[in-house]
Amino acid sequence: MARTAGRPPRSKAEILEFRSKIGKHALEIYRTEGFGAVSMRRLAREVGCAPMTIYAHFEGKTDILRYLWADVLTDMSHDIEKKLKSVVVPSERLQTAAQTFIAYWIDHPDHFRLVFMSNDVTRADVSTFVMDDNTLAHVLMFSDLIRNVLPQEHDVKMRTDTLISGMIGIAFCMITIPDYPWADATLMTKQLLTSIIT
């Protein structure tokens, strides 16, 4: 049997590594020039491959954006999980998670803008991403933390949604309006949590 020429198929690990490489280049372009500067041709040039190779790994620019969103949210969740390893008391776990969530975005304003303020994205693209099980897991983490603090509470969703929107709001204000003399983010987060769990 004759052997066909060409590159052997990539392993799963190689595919993940290549997607990560594309994502890193896309994020760097985004940081320096904005997402409008990200294109499949430009990424191919940066990575050193043909544009069709990029298309073999991503459907298009929006798919790359969704990949970056997922990567950033996973990074943020890992920060929270690391901090929670040494915390046992349910109320302290919720406090630690909320403080870490807000600190992550304040420490990574480019990530915040990428996830919450991307231009040229359709509502359908955002909805598809937000309703993905992996994305929802980042929210459900806070539902579980609230449920552990308030085991008898029936309306955990309302409390979780209030907490998530409040935390994003605090980070948004700190990042986008830095000249205003905001109260300390840690204290605002404590105040937000007090209103949610009492």
Protein backbone atom coordinates (compact mmCIF):
# COMPACT_ATOMS: atom_id res chain seq x y z
CA MET A 1 0.00 0.00 0.00
CA ALA A 2 1.42 3.38 -1.00
CA ARG A 3 1.96 5.90 1.76
CA THR A 4 0.31 9.27 1.19
CA ALA A 5 2.49 12.33 1.43
CA GLY A 6 1.84 15.10 3.86
CA ARG A 7 1.97 15.85 7.52
CA PRO A 8 0.70 13.13 9.88
CA PRO A 9 -2.49 14.06 11.78
CA ARG A 10 -1.93 16.11 14.91
CA SER A 11 -2.52 14.55 18.30
CA LYS A 12 -5.18 16.00 20.59
CA ALA A 13 -2.42 17.60 22.69
CA GLU A 14 -0.87 19.18 19.58
CA ILE A 15 -4.25 20.54 18.49
CA LEU A 16 -4.86 22.08 21.93
CA GLU A 17 -1.35 23.54 21.93
CA PHE A 18 -1.82 25.04 18.46
CA ARG A 19 -5.22 26.53 19.40
CA SER A 20 -3.59 28.02 22.50
CA LYS A 21 -0.81 29.50 20.34
CA ILE A 22 -3.39 31.11 18.03
CA GLY A 23 -5.30 32.39 21.06
CA LYS A 24 -2.17 33.94 22.59
CA HIS A 25 -1.38 35.77 19.35
CA ALA A 26 -4.99 36.95 19.00
CA LEU A 27 -4.97 38.23 22.59
CA GLU A 28 -1.71 40.10 22.01
CA ILE A 29 -3.11 41.78 18.88
CA TYR A 30 -6.27 42.63 20.82
CA ARG A 31 -4.25 44.18 23.67
CA THR A 32 -2.15 46.37 21.41
CA GLU A 33 -4.59 47.25 18.60
CA GLY A 34 -8.10 46.13 19.56
CA PHE A 35 -10.14 43.20 18.33
CA GLY A 36 -10.81 44.89 15.00
CA ALA A 37 -7.15 44.28 14.10
CA VAL A 38 -7.49 40.52 14.59
CA SER A 39 -7.92 38.69 11.29
CA MET A 40 -7.35 35.14 10.12
CA ARG A 41 -4.66 36.31 7.65
CA ARG A 42 -2.85 38.31 10.31
CA LEU A 43 -2.96 35.41 12.75
CA ALA A 44 -1.65 33.04 10.09
CA ARG A 45 1.26 35.42 9.47
CA GLU A 46 1.96 35.76 13.21
CA VAL A 47 1.78 32.02 13.86
CA GLY A 48 3.64 31.09 10.67
CA CYS A 49 1.08 29.02 8.82
CA ALA A 50 -1.45 29.29 6.00
CA PRO A 51 -4.81 30.98 6.73
CA MET A 52 -6.55 27.68 5.94
CA THR A 53 -4.66 26.09 8.85
CA ILE A 54 -6.25 28.65 11.19
CA TYR A 55 -9.66 27.83 9.70
CA ALA A 56 -9.02 24.15 10.41
CA HIS A 57 -8.95 25.04 14.12
CA PHE A 58 -11.42 27.93 14.33
CA GLU A 59 -14.56 28.66 12.30
CA GLY A 60 -13.69 32.33 12.13
CA LYS A 61 -12.86 35.43 14.13
CA THR A 62 -15.90 35.12 16.42
CA ASP A 63 -14.94 31.55 17.26
CA ILE A 64 -11.50 32.83 18.29
CA LEU A 65 -13.18 35.48 20.45
CA ARG A 66 -15.32 32.82 22.15
CA TYR A 67 -12.16 30.78 22.73
CA LEU A 68 -10.49 33.80 24.37
CA TRP A 69 -13.56 34.50 26.52
CA ALA A 70 -13.56 30.88 27.72
CA ASP A 71 -9.82 31.00 28.40
CA VAL A 72 -10.11 34.18 30.46
CA LEU A 73 -13.10 32.91 32.47
CA THR A 74 -11.27 29.66 33.18
CA ASP A 75 -8.22 31.61 34.36
CA MET A 76 -10.43 33.71 36.65
CA SER A 77 -12.14 30.61 38.06
CA HIS A 78 -8.79 28.95 38.72
CA ASP A 79 -7.76 32.02 40.74
CA ILE A 80 -10.90 31.63 42.85
CA GLU A 81 -10.43 27.87 43.29
CA LYS A 82 -6.83 28.39 44.46
CA LYS A 83 -7.91 30.92 47.07
CA LEU A 84 -10.77 28.71 48.29
CA LYS A 85 -8.51 25.73 49.02
CA SER A 86 -7.54 27.13 52.40
CA VAL A 87 -10.98 28.50 53.37
CA VAL A 88 -13.56 26.31 55.13
CA VAL A 89 -16.31 28.50 56.62
CA PRO A 90 -19.10 28.99 54.02
CA SER A 91 -19.50 32.76 54.55
CA GLU A 92 -15.73 33.25 54.30
CA ARG A 93 -15.63 31.12 51.13
CA LEU A 94 -18.28 33.33 49.52
CA GLN A 95 -16.43 36.47 50.63
CA THR A 96 -13.10 35.13 49.30
CA ALA A 97 -14.63 34.13 45.96
CA ALA A 98 -16.32 37.51 45.48
CA GLN A 99 -13.20 39.48 46.42
CA THR A 100 -11.06 37.32 44.11
CA PHE A 101 -13.55 37.71 41.23
CA ILE A 102 -13.43 41.51 41.43
CA ALA A 103 -9.67 41.65 42.03
CA TYR A 104 -9.07 39.48 38.97
CA TRP A 105 -10.85 41.91 36.65
CA ILE A 106 -9.28 44.99 38.23
CA ASP A 107 -5.83 43.38 37.91
CA HIS A 108 -6.57 42.33 34.30
CA PRO A 109 -8.47 45.25 32.73
CA ASP A 110 -7.72 43.99 29.19
CA HIS A 111 -9.40 40.71 30.06
CA PHE A 112 -12.42 42.59 31.43
CA ARG A 113 -12.74 44.65 28.25
CA LEU A 114 -12.35 41.53 26.12
CA VAL A 115 -15.09 39.59 27.94
CA PHE A 116 -17.54 42.35 28.81
CA MET A 117 -16.89 45.12 26.28
CA SER A 118 -15.98 43.48 22.93
CA ASN A 119 -17.17 45.37 19.86
CA ASP A 120 -18.47 43.86 16.62
CA VAL A 121 -20.10 40.92 18.40
CA THR A 122 -23.71 39.97 17.72
CA ARG A 123 -26.21 39.27 20.46
CA ALA A 124 -26.54 35.72 19.08
CA ASP A 125 -22.79 35.15 19.47
CA VAL A 126 -22.89 36.37 23.07
CA SER A 127 -26.02 34.31 23.85
CA THR A 128 -24.45 31.15 22.43
CA PHE A 129 -21.40 31.67 24.62
CA VAL A 130 -23.27 32.69 27.78
CA MET A 131 -25.62 29.70 27.62
CA ASP A 132 -22.79 27.21 27.12
CA ASP A 133 -22.49 24.76 30.05
CA ASN A 134 -18.83 25.65 30.63
CA THR A 135 -19.68 29.36 30.85
CA LEU A 136 -22.64 28.74 33.14
CA ALA A 137 -20.37 26.77 35.48
CA HIS A 138 -18.60 30.04 36.40
CA VAL A 139 -21.94 31.45 37.59
CA LEU A 140 -23.12 28.23 39.23
CA MET A 141 -20.00 28.30 41.39
CA PHE A 142 -21.45 31.37 43.09
CA SER A 143 -24.87 29.72 43.36
CA ASP A 144 -23.27 26.84 45.23
CA LEU A 145 -21.38 29.21 47.52
CA ILE A 146 -24.57 31.16 48.34
CA ARG A 147 -26.50 27.92 48.88
CA ASN A 148 -23.84 26.82 51.40
CA VAL A 149 -24.25 30.09 53.31
CA LEU A 150 -28.07 30.07 53.10
CA PRO A 151 -29.10 26.39 52.90
CA GLN A 152 -32.80 27.20 53.53
CA GLU A 153 -32.98 29.91 50.86
CA HIS A 154 -35.19 29.07 47.89
CA ASP A 155 -34.40 32.02 45.62
CA VAL A 156 -30.68 31.40 45.15
CA LYS A 157 -30.87 32.43 41.47
CA MET A 158 -32.02 35.97 42.32
CA ARG A 159 -29.26 36.32 44.90
CA THR A 160 -26.65 34.89 42.52
CA ASP A 161 -27.72 37.13 39.64
CA THR A 162 -27.65 40.17 41.95
CA LEU A 163 -24.19 39.24 43.18
CA ILE A 164 -22.75 38.61 39.70
CA SER A 165 -24.19 41.82 38.24
CA GLY A 166 -23.02 43.81 41.28
CA MET A 167 -19.48 42.40 41.10
CA ILE A 168 -19.25 43.10 37.37
CA GLY A 169 -20.55 46.62 38.07
CA ILE A 170 -17.89 47.29 40.69
CA ALA A 171 -15.14 46.06 38.37
CA PHE A 172 -16.63 48.03 35.44
CA CYS A 173 -16.60 51.29 37.41
CA MET A 174 -13.07 50.78 38.75
CA ILE A 175 -11.72 49.97 35.28
CA THR A 176 -13.61 52.40 33.05
CA ILE A 177 -13.95 55.44 35.35
CA PRO A 178 -10.66 55.37 37.29
CA ASP A 179 -10.59 59.14 37.91
CA TYR A 180 -13.65 59.05 40.16
CA PRO A 181 -12.71 58.61 43.84
CA TRP A 182 -14.52 55.28 44.32
CA ALA A 183 -14.74 53.72 47.74
CA ASP A 184 -12.37 50.80 48.24
CA ALA A 185 -13.42 47.84 46.05
CA THR A 186 -12.98 45.40 48.94
CA LEU A 187 -15.34 47.41 51.14
CA MET A 188 -17.90 47.78 48.34
CA THR A 189 -17.79 44.02 47.80
CA LYS A 190 -18.40 43.40 51.50
CA GLN A 191 -21.35 45.78 51.39
CA LEU A 192 -22.74 44.02 48.30
CA LEU A 193 -22.43 40.63 50.00
CA THR A 194 -24.11 41.91 53.15
CA SER A 195 -27.14 42.95 51.08
CA ILE A 196 -27.23 39.54 49.38
CA ILE A 197 -26.94 37.21 52.37
CA THR A 198 -29.00 39.09 54.98
